Amino acid sequence: MNYSTGETPTTPEEQLGFFIEFWNSINWRAIGSSIIVLLMQIILALIIFFIFKKVGHYIIEMVFKRYMREKKTVPNRLNTLYKLSKNSYHAILYFFLVYTILELMGVPVGTLVASAGVVGLALSLGAQGFVSDIVNGFMILLEKQIDVGDVVELSGILGTVEDVNLKTTKVKDFDGTIHFIPNRSIIVISNRSRGDMRVMLHIRLFPQTDLHLVRSILEGVNKEWIPKRDEITIEAKEIAFVPIGSGQIAAQVIMYTKAGTEFAMRNLFYEKYVDALREAGVDLPKVTLDI
């Protein structure tokens, strides 16, 4: 029986015959050839993608290495621009790869993009935060406010910048915690890596302590140790004595160090001052209220 006339099969034998006729009418050779051609085109697109990825990485690295040699750019700034360039290049490559594969599969990408414009308009209010991230991130990079490796304080978080991009800024806290901060929440940037950092030390003393003796001891420590430390950019000019409440006074020492070394220098000199005072027999308060 010929089922192409529109007759509806009713019995199981007729239904089986209809299925066999339909199955035999399919041009499996053409379908197989189309699938093979599609797979070969996708594989070719992937090969071209990986070639462009490798070549692009090589060109980016060569450009940045040459630029750093010629312009002597700060390494932190170079790392920031290098990562941003790689991320942007990857985003463009993956966009074209997905676009090409969808086109090869017959997906109407142009129509989808036009439809996405309508959807995007509907979602525009919900995307305000994302747009704010992009705009603020662009201004941070354009004005060179922070670079990878800088010690900064952002939104109350103190740490080292691990990555900067248009969406988020990654900061590693000193205890090892990684913070991902949306750029729109960054209002004030406190960068501690762009200039010399002040180190101010207070050594608490009893009011009856011989201040002339303390001054000579601390000046002796400075004279011995400051020349040994390349981290110190401006040495302590004088030893001052300031009130700190509860009837106590403190010897105050101020010096400046290279960015990122202020904590190490503070701890080192505090230890040297205390050891020298104790060796000279100067009593130091054990608690804040000890008068």
C-alpha atoms as a PDB file:
ATOM      1  CA  MET A   1       0.000   0.000   0.000  1.00  0.00           C
ATOM      2  CA  ASN A   2       1.208   3.496  -0.872  1.00  0.00           C
ATOM      3  CA  TYR A   3       0.886   5.771   2.149  1.00  0.00           C
ATOM      4  CA  SER A   4       1.905   8.891   0.289  1.00  0.00           C
ATOM      5  CA  THR A   5      -1.718   9.415  -0.786  1.00  0.00           C
ATOM      6  CA  GLY A   6      -2.653  10.595   2.698  1.00  0.00           C
ATOM      7  CA  GLU A   7      -4.351   7.408   3.889  1.00  0.00           C
ATOM      8  CA  THR A   8      -4.002   6.866   7.628  1.00  0.00           C
ATOM      9  CA  PRO A   9      -2.699   3.388   8.606  1.00  0.00           C
ATOM     10  CA  THR A  10      -4.950   1.660  11.097  1.00  0.00           C
ATOM     11  CA  THR A  11      -3.702  -1.886  11.666  1.00  0.00           C
ATOM     12  CA  PRO A  12      -0.301  -2.696  13.219  1.00  0.00           C
ATOM     13  CA  GLU A  13       0.859  -4.119   9.906  1.00  0.00           C
ATOM     14  CA  GLU A  14      -0.066  -0.931   8.099  1.00  0.00           C
ATOM     15  CA  GLN A  15       1.656   1.226  10.748  1.00  0.00           C
ATOM     16  CA  LEU A  16       4.814  -0.881  10.480  1.00  0.00           C
ATOM     17  CA  GLY A  17       4.731  -0.582   6.725  1.00  0.00           C
ATOM     18  CA  PHE A  18       4.297   3.193   7.007  1.00  0.00           C
ATOM     19  CA  PHE A  19       7.314   3.460   9.311  1.00  0.00           C
ATOM     20  CA  ILE A  20       9.472   1.297   6.993  1.00  0.00           C
ATOM     21  CA  GLU A  21       8.475   3.366   3.979  1.00  0.00           C
ATOM     22  CA  PHE A  22       9.238   6.599   5.861  1.00  0.00           C
ATOM     23  CA  TRP A  23      12.596   5.245   7.065  1.00  0.00           C
ATOM     24  CA  ASN A  24      13.602   4.201   3.544  1.00  0.00           C
ATOM     25  CA  SER A  25      12.597   7.590   2.149  1.00  0.00           C
ATOM     26  CA  ILE A  26      15.207   9.361   4.296  1.00  0.00           C
ATOM     27  CA  ASN A  27      18.386  10.197   2.400  1.00  0.00           C
ATOM     28  CA  TRP A  28      20.830   8.934   4.996  1.00  0.00           C
ATOM     29  CA  ARG A  29      23.807   9.421   2.693  1.00  0.00           C
ATOM     30  CA  ALA A  30      23.080  13.146   2.393  1.00  0.00           C
ATOM     31  CA  ILE A  31      22.514  13.482   6.154  1.00  0.00           C
ATOM     32  CA  GLY A  32      25.748  11.648   6.930  1.00  0.00           C
ATOM     33  CA  SER A  33      27.647  13.800   4.443  1.00  0.00           C
ATOM     34  CA  SER A  34      26.184  16.964   6.005  1.00  0.00           C
ATOM     35  CA  ILE A  35      27.162  15.841   9.524  1.00  0.00           C
ATOM     36  CA  ILE A  36      30.704  14.981   8.417  1.00  0.00           C
ATOM     37  CA  VAL A  37      31.073  18.344   6.658  1.00  0.00           C
ATOM     38  CA  LEU A  38      29.709  20.159   9.746  1.00  0.00           C
ATOM     39  CA  LEU A  39      32.117  18.330  12.058  1.00  0.00           C
ATOM     40  CA  MET A  40      35.037  19.104   9.762  1.00  0.00           C
ATOM     41  CA  GLN A  41      34.057  22.785   9.670  1.00  0.00           C
ATOM     42  CA  ILE A  42      33.790  22.911  13.486  1.00  0.00           C
ATOM     43  CA  ILE A  43      37.158  21.180  13.864  1.00  0.00           C
ATOM     44  CA  LEU A  44      38.685  23.655  11.400  1.00  0.00           C
ATOM     45  CA  ALA A  45      37.183  26.552  13.378  1.00  0.00           C
ATOM     46  CA  LEU A  46      38.648  25.140  16.608  1.00  0.00           C
ATOM     47  CA  ILE A  47      42.071  24.730  14.986  1.00  0.00           C
ATOM     48  CA  ILE A  48      41.982  28.337  13.763  1.00  0.00           C
ATOM     49  CA  PHE A  49      40.833  29.435  17.236  1.00  0.00           C
ATOM     50  CA  PHE A  50      43.755  27.742  19.003  1.00  0.00           C
ATOM     51  CA  ILE A  51      46.213  29.093  16.416  1.00  0.00           C
ATOM     52  CA  PHE A  52      44.965  32.645  16.980  1.00  0.00           C
ATOM     53  CA  LYS A  53      45.072  32.061  20.741  1.00  0.00           C
ATOM     54  CA  LYS A  54      48.715  30.952  20.690  1.00  0.00           C
ATOM     55  CA  VAL A  55      49.785  33.670  18.253  1.00  0.00           C
ATOM     56  CA  GLY A  56      47.898  36.314  20.220  1.00  0.00           C
ATOM     57  CA  HIS A  57      49.529  35.251  23.495  1.00  0.00           C
ATOM     58  CA  TYR A  58      52.953  35.368  21.889  1.00  0.00           C
ATOM     59  CA  ILE A  59      52.369  38.820  20.402  1.00  0.00           C
ATOM     60  CA  ILE A  60      50.999  40.234  23.668  1.00  0.00           C
ATOM     61  CA  GLU A  61      53.978  38.909  25.649  1.00  0.00           C
ATOM     62  CA  MET A  62      56.483  40.197  23.116  1.00  0.00           C
ATOM     63  CA  VAL A  63      54.877  43.640  22.992  1.00  0.00           C
ATOM     64  CA  PHE A  64      54.812  44.008  26.775  1.00  0.00           C
ATOM     65  CA  LYS A  65      58.365  42.746  27.241  1.00  0.00           C
ATOM     66  CA  ARG A  66      59.662  45.148  24.597  1.00  0.00           C
ATOM     67  CA  TYR A  67      57.626  48.023  26.018  1.00  0.00           C
ATOM     68  CA  MET A  68      58.992  47.410  29.504  1.00  0.00           C
ATOM     69  CA  ARG A  69      62.582  47.355  28.222  1.00  0.00           C
ATOM     70  CA  GLU A  70      62.179  50.593  26.311  1.00  0.00           C
ATOM     71  CA  LYS A  71      59.944  52.577  28.652  1.00  0.00           C
ATOM     72  CA  LYS A  72      61.067  51.012  31.943  1.00  0.00           C
ATOM     73  CA  THR A  73      57.494  50.734  33.120  1.00  0.00           C
ATOM     74  CA  VAL A  74      56.735  49.821  36.733  1.00  0.00           C
ATOM     75  CA  PRO A  75      56.317  45.986  36.884  1.00  0.00           C
ATOM     76  CA  ASN A  76      53.028  46.245  38.796  1.00  0.00           C
ATOM     77  CA  ARG A  77      51.548  48.469  36.114  1.00  0.00           C
ATOM     78  CA  LEU A  78      52.801  46.122  33.396  1.00  0.00           C
ATOM     79  CA  ASN A  79      51.171  43.115  35.090  1.00  0.00           C
ATOM     80  CA  THR A  80      47.866  44.960  35.320  1.00  0.00           C
ATOM     81  CA  LEU A  81      47.828  45.900  31.629  1.00  0.00           C
ATOM     82  CA  TYR A  82      49.098  42.445  30.623  1.00  0.00           C
ATOM     83  CA  LYS A  83      46.275  40.626  32.411  1.00  0.00           C
ATOM     84  CA  LEU A  84      43.677  43.065  31.103  1.00  0.00           C
ATOM     85  CA  SER A  85      44.934  42.611  27.523  1.00  0.00           C
ATOM     86  CA  LYS A  86      44.860  38.814  27.790  1.00  0.00           C
ATOM     87  CA  ASN A  87      41.353  38.767  29.277  1.00  0.00           C
ATOM     88  CA  SER A  88      40.011  41.110  26.595  1.00  0.00           C
ATOM     89  CA  TYR A  89      41.662  39.080  23.805  1.00  0.00           C
ATOM     90  CA  HIS A  90      40.202  35.838  25.216  1.00  0.00           C
ATOM     91  CA  ALA A  91      36.713  37.347  25.405  1.00  0.00           C
ATOM     92  CA  ILE A  92      36.861  38.461  21.748  1.00  0.00           C
ATOM     93  CA  LEU A  93      38.189  35.078  20.560  1.00  0.00           C
ATOM     94  CA  TYR A  94      35.554  33.058  22.419  1.00  0.00           C
ATOM     95  CA  PHE A  95      32.794  35.339  21.132  1.00  0.00           C
ATOM     96  CA  PHE A  96      33.812  34.745  17.506  1.00  0.00           C
ATOM     97  CA  LEU A  97      34.257  31.005  18.135  1.00  0.00           C
ATOM     98  CA  VAL A  98      30.734  30.607  19.532  1.00  0.00           C
ATOM     99  CA  TYR A  99      29.322  32.848  16.807  1.00  0.00           C
ATOM    100  CA  THR A 100      31.031  30.767  14.075  1.00  0.00           C
ATOM    101  CA  ILE A 101      29.880  27.417  15.478  1.00  0.00           C
ATOM    102  CA  LEU A 102      26.283  28.598  15.799  1.00  0.00           C
ATOM    103  CA  GLU A 103      26.334  29.902  12.219  1.00  0.00           C
ATOM    104  CA  LEU A 104      27.697  26.574  10.955  1.00  0.00           C
ATOM    105  CA  MET A 105      24.900  24.754  12.775  1.00  0.00           C
ATOM    106  CA  GLY A 106      22.340  26.944  11.062  1.00  0.00           C
ATOM    107  CA  VAL A 107      21.336  28.929  14.135  1.00  0.00           C
ATOM    108  CA  PRO A 108      20.105  32.415  13.073  1.00  0.00           C
ATOM    109  CA  VAL A 109      22.540  34.375  15.204  1.00  0.00           C
ATOM    110  CA  GLY A 110      21.592  37.710  13.648  1.00  0.00           C
ATOM    111  CA  THR A 111      17.937  37.190  14.564  1.00  0.00           C
ATOM    112  CA  LEU A 112      18.898  36.127  18.076  1.00  0.00           C
ATOM    113  CA  VAL A 113      21.060  39.224  18.514  1.00  0.00           C
ATOM    114  CA  ALA A 114      18.184  41.441  17.355  1.00  0.00           C
ATOM    115  CA  SER A 115      15.833  39.683  19.761  1.00  0.00           C
ATOM    116  CA  ALA A 116      18.421  40.042  22.510  1.00  0.00           C
ATOM    117  CA  GLY A 117      18.214  43.795  22.012  1.00  0.00           C
ATOM    118  CA  VAL A 118      14.570  43.720  23.097  1.00  0.00           C
ATOM    119  CA  VAL A 119      15.387  41.452  26.033  1.00  0.00           C
ATOM    120  CA  GLY A 120      18.340  43.652  26.928  1.00  0.00           C
ATOM    121  CA  LEU A 121      16.083  46.681  27.026  1.00  0.00           C
ATOM    122  CA  ALA A 122      13.804  44.882  29.441  1.00  0.00           C
ATOM    123  CA  LEU A 123      16.734  43.894  31.628  1.00  0.00           C
ATOM    124  CA  SER A 124      18.486  47.263  31.473  1.00  0.00           C
ATOM    125  CA  LEU A 125      17.314  48.292  34.939  1.00  0.00           C
ATOM    126  CA  GLY A 126      18.635  45.074  36.422  1.00  0.00           C
ATOM    127  CA  ALA A 127      21.981  45.564  34.671  1.00  0.00           C
ATOM    128  CA  GLN A 128      22.702  48.954  36.212  1.00  0.00           C
ATOM    129  CA  GLY A 129      25.059  47.387  38.731  1.00  0.00           C
ATOM    130  CA  PHE A 130      26.995  45.642  35.979  1.00  0.00           C
ATOM    131  CA  VAL A 131      27.299  48.873  33.986  1.00  0.00           C
ATOM    132  CA  SER A 132      28.507  50.687  37.119  1.00  0.00           C
ATOM    133  CA  ASP A 133      31.175  48.005  37.597  1.00  0.00           C
ATOM    134  CA  ILE A 134      32.407  48.452  34.018  1.00  0.00           C
ATOM    135  CA  VAL A 135      32.465  52.261  34.146  1.00  0.00           C
ATOM    136  CA  ASN A 136      34.184  52.416  37.537  1.00  0.00           C
ATOM    137  CA  GLY A 137      36.662  49.698  36.559  1.00  0.00           C
ATOM    138  CA  PHE A 138      37.519  51.555  33.358  1.00  0.00           C
ATOM    139  CA  MET A 139      38.202  54.774  35.292  1.00  0.00           C
ATOM    140  CA  ILE A 140      40.367  52.918  37.846  1.00  0.00           C
ATOM    141  CA  LEU A 141      42.504  51.484  35.037  1.00  0.00           C
ATOM    142  CA  LEU A 142      42.556  54.696  32.998  1.00  0.00           C
ATOM    143  CA  GLU A 143      43.716  56.820  35.940  1.00  0.00           C
ATOM    144  CA  LYS A 144      46.208  54.156  37.092  1.00  0.00           C
ATOM    145  CA  GLN A 145      44.797  54.249  40.605  1.00  0.00           C
ATOM    146  CA  ILE A 146      45.951  50.720  41.479  1.00  0.00           C
ATOM    147  CA  ASP A 147      48.151  48.053  39.928  1.00  0.00           C
ATOM    148  CA  VAL A 148      48.693  44.342  40.510  1.00  0.00           C
ATOM    149  CA  GLY A 149      51.000  43.939  43.517  1.00  0.00           C
ATOM    150  CA  ASP A 150      50.033  47.217  45.216  1.00  0.00           C
ATOM    151  CA  VAL A 151      49.150  47.199  48.901  1.00  0.00           C
ATOM    152  CA  VAL A 152      45.779  48.929  49.106  1.00  0.00           C
ATOM    153  CA  GLU A 153      42.747  49.424  51.308  1.00  0.00           C
ATOM    154  CA  LEU A 154      39.440  49.012  49.471  1.00  0.00           C
ATOM    155  CA  SER A 155      36.030  49.033  51.146  1.00  0.00           C
ATOM    156  CA  GLY A 156      37.668  48.447  54.523  1.00  0.00           C
ATOM    157  CA  ILE A 157      39.815  45.545  53.235  1.00  0.00           C
ATOM    158  CA  LEU A 158      43.595  45.851  53.496  1.00  0.00           C
ATOM    159  CA  GLY A 159      45.689  43.583  51.294  1.00  0.00           C
ATOM    160  CA  THR A 160      47.641  43.071  48.082  1.00  0.00           C
ATOM    161  CA  VAL A 161      46.010  43.505  44.671  1.00  0.00           C
ATOM    162  CA  GLU A 162      45.948  40.165  42.838  1.00  0.00           C
ATOM    163  CA  ASP A 163      43.981  41.185  39.748  1.00  0.00           C
ATOM    164  CA  VAL A 164      42.190  44.214  38.307  1.00  0.00           C
ATOM    165  CA  ASN A 165      39.607  44.011  35.530  1.00  0.00           C
ATOM    166  CA  LEU A 166      36.563  45.919  34.360  1.00  0.00           C
ATOM    167  CA  LYS A 167      34.156  43.915  36.562  1.00  0.00           C
ATOM    168  CA  THR A 168      35.904  43.191  39.860  1.00  0.00           C
ATOM    169  CA  THR A 169      39.108  43.792  41.763  1.00  0.00           C
ATOM    170  CA  LYS A 170      40.717  40.841  43.554  1.00  0.00           C
ATOM    171  CA  VAL A 171      42.554  41.616  46.802  1.00  0.00           C
ATOM    172  CA  LYS A 172      44.462  39.093  48.905  1.00  0.00           C
ATOM    173  CA  ASP A 173      44.263  39.845  52.619  1.00  0.00           C
ATOM    174  CA  PHE A 174      47.365  39.453  54.761  1.00  0.00           C
ATOM    175  CA  ASP A 175      45.873  36.318  56.356  1.00  0.00           C
ATOM    176  CA  GLY A 176      45.529  34.744  52.881  1.00  0.00           C
ATOM    177  CA  THR A 177      41.826  35.443  52.304  1.00  0.00           C
ATOM    178  CA  ILE A 178      40.935  36.362  48.700  1.00  0.00           C
ATOM    179  CA  HIS A 179      38.353  39.140  48.366  1.00  0.00           C
ATOM    180  CA  PHE A 180      36.482  39.783  45.105  1.00  0.00           C
ATOM    181  CA  ILE A 181      35.294  43.397  45.289  1.00  0.00           C
ATOM    182  CA  PRO A 182      32.772  44.699  42.699  1.00  0.00           C
ATOM    183  CA  ASN A 183      34.173  47.868  41.178  1.00  0.00           C
ATOM    184  CA  ARG A 184      30.938  49.762  41.828  1.00  0.00           C
ATOM    185  CA  SER A 185      31.475  49.420  45.599  1.00  0.00           C
ATOM    186  CA  ILE A 186      34.957  50.982  45.435  1.00  0.00           C
ATOM    187  CA  ILE A 187      34.496  54.606  46.512  1.00  0.00           C
ATOM    188  CA  VAL A 188      37.812  55.430  48.177  1.00  0.00           C
ATOM    189  CA  ILE A 189      41.116  53.803  47.189  1.00  0.00           C
ATOM    190  CA  SER A 190      43.948  54.013  49.714  1.00  0.00           C
ATOM    191  CA  ASN A 191      47.096  52.958  47.862  1.00  0.00           C
ATOM    192  CA  ARG A 192      50.059  52.315  50.136  1.00  0.00           C
ATOM    193  CA  SER A 193      52.507  51.427  47.390  1.00  0.00           C
ATOM    194  CA  ARG A 194      52.917  54.744  45.571  1.00  0.00           C
ATOM    195  CA  GLY A 195      55.091  56.630  48.073  1.00  0.00           C
ATOM    196  CA  ASP A 196      57.178  56.339  51.203  1.00  0.00           C
ATOM    197  CA  MET A 197      55.252  55.117  54.229  1.00  0.00           C
ATOM    198  CA  ARG A 198      55.486  56.679  57.681  1.00  0.00           C
ATOM    199  CA  VAL A 199      56.515  54.534  60.624  1.00  0.00           C
ATOM    200  CA  MET A 200      55.655  56.046  64.004  1.00  0.00           C
ATOM    201  CA  LEU A 201      56.696  54.194  67.151  1.00  0.00           C
ATOM    202  CA  HIS A 202      55.656  54.936  70.727  1.00  0.00           C
ATOM    203  CA  ILE A 203      57.713  53.516  73.607  1.00  0.00           C
ATOM    204  CA  ARG A 204      55.734  53.994  76.824  1.00  0.00           C
ATOM    205  CA  LEU A 205      57.677  55.324  79.795  1.00  0.00           C
ATOM    206  CA  PHE A 206      57.160  56.169  83.451  1.00  0.00           C
ATOM    207  CA  PRO A 207      56.903  59.910  84.165  1.00  0.00           C
ATOM    208  CA  GLN A 208      59.969  59.753  86.412  1.00  0.00           C
ATOM    209  CA  THR A 209      62.155  58.165  83.713  1.00  0.00           C
ATOM    210  CA  ASP A 210      65.363  60.001  82.790  1.00  0.00           C
ATOM    211  CA  LEU A 211      64.348  61.340  79.365  1.00  0.00           C
ATOM    212  CA  HIS A 212      67.866  62.443  78.437  1.00  0.00           C
ATOM    213  CA  LEU A 213      69.071  58.866  78.976  1.00  0.00           C
ATOM    214  CA  VAL A 214      66.207  57.458  76.900  1.00  0.00           C
ATOM    215  CA  ARG A 215      66.912  59.904  74.073  1.00  0.00           C
ATOM    216  CA  SER A 216      70.605  58.994  73.952  1.00  0.00           C
ATOM    217  CA  ILE A 217      69.797  55.244  73.939  1.00  0.00           C
ATOM    218  CA  LEU A 218      67.275  55.514  71.119  1.00  0.00           C
ATOM    219  CA  GLU A 219      69.581  57.758  69.088  1.00  0.00           C
ATOM    220  CA  GLY A 220      72.304  55.150  69.531  1.00  0.00           C
ATOM    221  CA  VAL A 221      69.995  52.449  68.172  1.00  0.00           C
ATOM    222  CA  ASN A 222      69.125  54.650  65.188  1.00  0.00           C
ATOM    223  CA  LYS A 223      72.772  55.418  64.497  1.00  0.00           C
ATOM    224  CA  GLU A 224      73.625  51.705  64.509  1.00  0.00           C
ATOM    225  CA  TRP A 225      70.667  50.196  62.657  1.00  0.00           C
ATOM    226  CA  ILE A 226      69.327  52.771  60.214  1.00  0.00           C
ATOM    227  CA  PRO A 227      72.427  52.609  57.938  1.00  0.00           C
ATOM    228  CA  LYS A 228      71.963  48.829  57.784  1.00  0.00           C
ATOM    229  CA  ARG A 229      68.431  49.002  56.422  1.00  0.00           C
ATOM    230  CA  ASP A 230      67.975  50.011  52.780  1.00  0.00           C
ATOM    231  CA  GLU A 231      64.226  50.050  53.338  1.00  0.00           C
ATOM    232  CA  ILE A 232      64.449  53.322  55.273  1.00  0.00           C
ATOM    233  CA  THR A 233      64.166  56.347  52.987  1.00  0.00           C
ATOM    234  CA  ILE A 234      63.976  59.147  55.582  1.00  0.00           C
ATOM    235  CA  GLU A 235      65.618  58.472  58.924  1.00  0.00           C
ATOM    236  CA  ALA A 236      64.309  59.667  62.277  1.00  0.00           C
ATOM    237  CA  LYS A 237      65.222  63.329  62.802  1.00  0.00           C
ATOM    238  CA  GLU A 238      64.616  63.581  66.522  1.00  0.00           C
ATOM    239  CA  ILE A 239      63.276  61.768  69.548  1.00  0.00           C
ATOM    240  CA  ALA A 240      60.172  63.455  70.957  1.00  0.00           C
ATOM    241  CA  PHE A 241      58.304  62.787  74.203  1.00  0.00           C
ATOM    242  CA  VAL A 242      54.512  63.004  74.095  1.00  0.00           C
ATOM    243  CA  PRO A 243      51.737  62.426  76.656  1.00  0.00           C
ATOM    244  CA  ILE A 244      49.585  59.344  76.071  1.00  0.00           C
ATOM    245  CA  GLY A 245      47.149  59.660  78.980  1.00  0.00           C
ATOM    246  CA  SER A 246      46.876  57.904  82.359  1.00  0.00           C
ATOM    247  CA  GLY A 247      49.799  59.947  83.629  1.00  0.00           C
ATOM    248  CA  GLN A 248      52.177  58.309  81.166  1.00  0.00           C
ATOM    249  CA  ILE A 249      54.453  59.633  78.478  1.00  0.00           C
ATOM    250  CA  ALA A 250      55.995  57.952  75.474  1.00  0.00           C
ATOM    251  CA  ALA A 251      59.105  58.351  73.398  1.00  0.00           C
ATOM    252  CA  GLN A 252      57.982  59.019  69.837  1.00  0.00           C
ATOM    253  CA  VAL A 253      60.110  58.094  66.821  1.00  0.00           C
ATOM    254  CA  ILE A 254      59.061  58.856  63.234  1.00  0.00           C
ATOM    255  CA  MET A 255      60.802  57.575  60.108  1.00  0.00           C
ATOM    256  CA  TYR A 256      59.809  56.772  56.528  1.00  0.00           C
ATOM    257  CA  THR A 257      60.317  53.517  54.650  1.00  0.00           C
ATOM    258  CA  LYS A 258      59.734  52.092  51.187  1.00  0.00           C
ATOM    259  CA  ALA A 259      56.154  51.048  50.461  1.00  0.00           C
ATOM    260  CA  GLY A 260      55.386  47.586  51.769  1.00  0.00           C
ATOM    261  CA  THR A 261      58.206  47.492  54.347  1.00  0.00           C
ATOM    262  CA  GLU A 262      56.660  49.708  57.012  1.00  0.00           C
ATOM    263  CA  PHE A 263      55.380  46.883  59.201  1.00  0.00           C
ATOM    264  CA  ALA A 264      58.670  44.993  59.171  1.00  0.00           C
ATOM    265  CA  MET A 265      60.638  48.131  60.055  1.00  0.00           C
ATOM    266  CA  ARG A 266      58.195  49.051  62.791  1.00  0.00           C
ATOM    267  CA  ASN A 267      58.541  45.656  64.447  1.00  0.00           C
ATOM    268  CA  LEU A 268      62.321  45.577  64.038  1.00  0.00           C
ATOM    269  CA  PHE A 269      63.007  48.977  65.575  1.00  0.00           C
ATOM    270  CA  TYR A 270      60.470  48.544  68.356  1.00  0.00           C
ATOM    271  CA  GLU A 271      62.298  45.370  69.383  1.00  0.00           C
ATOM    272  CA  LYS A 272      65.699  47.093  69.188  1.00  0.00           C
ATOM    273  CA  TYR A 273      64.494  50.083  71.235  1.00  0.00           C
ATOM    274  CA  VAL A 274      62.983  47.949  73.981  1.00  0.00           C
ATOM    275  CA  ASP A 275      66.042  45.677  74.211  1.00  0.00           C
ATOM    276  CA  ALA A 276      68.410  48.655  74.404  1.00  0.00           C
ATOM    277  CA  LEU A 277      66.363  50.381  77.113  1.00  0.00           C
ATOM    278  CA  ARG A 278      66.145  47.242  79.244  1.00  0.00           C
ATOM    279  CA  GLU A 279      69.865  46.577  78.882  1.00  0.00           C
ATOM    280  CA  ALA A 280      70.482  50.130  80.147  1.00  0.00           C
ATOM    281  CA  GLY A 281      68.295  49.462  83.186  1.00  0.00           C
ATOM    282  CA  VAL A 282      65.347  51.636  82.150  1.00  0.00           C
ATOM    283  CA  ASP A 283      62.073  50.336  83.609  1.00  0.00           C
ATOM    284  CA  LEU A 284      59.171  50.189  81.195  1.00  0.00           C
ATOM    285  CA  PRO A 285      55.467  50.002  82.100  1.00  0.00           C
ATOM    286  CA  LYS A 286      54.049  46.507  81.870  1.00  0.00           C
ATOM    287  CA  VAL A 287      50.405  47.599  81.348  1.00  0.00           C
ATOM    288  CA  THR A 288      48.764  50.790  80.182  1.00  0.00           C
ATOM    289  CA  LEU A 289      47.522  51.803  83.656  1.00  0.00           C
ATOM    290  CA  ASP A 290      50.850  51.087  85.373  1.00  0.00           C
ATOM    291  CA  ILE A 291      51.935  54.583  86.556  1.00  0.00           C
END
